[in-house]
Structure formats: structure tokens, C-alpha cells
């Protein structure tokens, strides 16, 4: 006798919201064109937004790491002097 492993589906919650009329019309058209329900399109858009946000943060952190990994052509003594200088006393 075969045993079925049931995958738990995420709990769905009904919400109410207000959208721009033109945006809603485009959403309905896309839903019909793709043969997918509106909620599936909205869920996908939110997931992509979250993924892009996480990727953007990762890219910013990587850029900062790269910037500070570069060894500038300046002596440690000069660097220390520059860092200790009070900008507002000039």
C-alpha cells in the first residue's frame, strides 16, 4: 500500500485593499492572458520584490567590501594624519 506524503500548503488569508483603477484593470487583463488568478500574480510580484530587495542589499555590501579592500597608495602615517584631522577647523 503506497503512502502519500502530504505537503503542507501555506495558509491563505483573505485581505481587502484599494488599488488604482488602471492598475487593477491591467492586473485583470494579465490574469486572463496568463490564465492565472489575480492573487497568484500578486504573490509572485511580492516574492520578486523581496528577492530583489535582498539582492540589492547584498550588492551594496559587496561594493563596500570591494571599496575598502583596495589599498590606496598612501602611507599608514599619512592615513592616520588625515583621519585625525578635524575637518571643521579648516
Protein backbone atom coordinates (compact mmCIF):
# COMPACT_ATOMS: atom_id res chain seq x y z
CA UNK A 1 0.00 0.00 0.00
CA UNK A 2 1.51 3.31 -1.09
CA UNK A 3 1.85 6.04 1.48
CA UNK A 4 1.28 9.60 0.42
CA UNK A 5 3.39 12.32 1.91
CA UNK A 6 1.23 15.37 2.33
CA UNK A 7 2.94 18.65 1.74
CA UNK A 8 1.56 21.38 3.93
CA UNK A 9 0.26 24.26 1.88
CA UNK A 10 0.76 27.77 3.19
CA UNK A 11 -2.30 29.07 4.95
CA UNK A 12 -4.14 31.57 2.76
CA UNK A 13 -5.69 34.67 4.30
CA UNK A 14 -8.23 36.88 2.59
CA UNK A 15 -7.45 40.60 2.68
CA UNK A 16 -9.10 43.71 1.39
CA UNK A 17 -7.17 46.52 -0.26
CA UNK A 18 -7.59 49.50 -2.53
CA UNK A 19 -5.78 49.66 -5.88
CA UNK A 20 -5.51 52.23 -8.62
CA UNK A 21 -8.31 51.52 -11.10
CA UNK A 22 -5.96 51.42 -14.09
CA UNK A 23 -3.57 49.10 -12.29
CA UNK A 24 -6.41 46.76 -11.36
CA UNK A 25 -7.58 46.68 -14.99
CA UNK A 26 -4.07 45.77 -16.17
CA UNK A 27 -3.90 43.11 -13.46
CA UNK A 28 -7.21 41.60 -14.61
CA UNK A 29 -6.05 41.60 -18.23
CA UNK A 30 -2.80 39.89 -17.35
CA UNK A 31 -4.66 37.36 -15.21
CA UNK A 32 -6.90 36.49 -18.16
CA UNK A 33 -3.99 36.43 -20.62
CA UNK A 34 -1.90 34.08 -18.45
CA UNK A 35 -4.83 32.05 -17.16
CA UNK A 36 -3.73 32.62 -13.58
CA UNK A 37 -5.70 34.04 -10.68
CA UNK A 38 -5.01 37.62 -9.58
CA UNK A 39 -3.81 36.50 -6.15
CA UNK A 40 -1.12 34.33 -7.78
CA UNK A 41 0.16 37.33 -9.74
CA UNK A 42 0.23 39.50 -6.62
CA UNK A 43 2.03 36.81 -4.57
CA UNK A 44 4.62 36.39 -7.33
CA UNK A 45 5.17 40.16 -7.52
CA UNK A 46 5.69 40.41 -3.76
CA UNK A 47 8.15 37.49 -3.75
CA UNK A 48 10.14 39.04 -6.61
CA UNK A 49 10.17 42.40 -4.82
CA UNK A 50 11.52 40.79 -1.64
CA UNK A 51 14.13 38.85 -3.61
CA UNK A 52 15.29 41.97 -5.48
CA UNK A 53 15.50 43.91 -2.21
CA UNK A 54 17.68 41.20 -0.66
CA UNK A 55 19.88 41.06 -3.78
CA UNK A 56 20.27 44.86 -3.81
CA UNK A 57 21.39 44.83 -0.19
CA UNK A 58 23.88 42.05 -0.93
CA UNK A 59 25.27 44.00 -3.91
CA UNK A 60 25.69 47.16 -1.78
CA UNK A 61 27.55 45.20 0.89
CA UNK A 62 29.78 43.61 -1.74
CA UNK A 63 30.54 47.05 -3.24
CA UNK A 64 31.54 48.41 0.17
CA UNK A 65 33.77 45.38 0.80
CA UNK A 66 35.47 45.89 -2.55
CA UNK A 67 35.96 49.60 -1.95
CA UNK A 68 37.61 49.08 1.41
CA UNK A 69 39.72 46.16 0.25
CA UNK A 70 41.62 48.46 -2.13
CA UNK A 71 44.95 49.57 -0.76
CA UNK A 72 45.37 53.24 -1.53
CA UNK A 73 48.85 54.49 -2.35
CA UNK A 74 49.24 56.34 0.95
CA UNK A 75 51.43 55.59 3.92
CA UNK A 76 49.90 54.48 7.20
CA UNK A 77 51.30 57.60 8.85
CA UNK A 78 49.67 59.92 6.28
CA UNK A 79 46.40 57.99 6.53
CA UNK A 80 46.38 58.34 10.31
CA UNK A 81 47.10 62.06 10.00
CA UNK A 82 44.23 62.55 7.56
CA UNK A 83 41.82 60.60 9.73
CA UNK A 84 42.76 62.56 12.86
CA UNK A 85 42.46 65.94 11.15
CA UNK A 86 39.44 67.97 12.24
CA UNK A 87 37.57 68.97 9.12
CA UNK A 88 35.78 71.85 10.83
CA UNK A 89 38.98 73.58 11.97
CA UNK A 90 39.98 74.41 8.41
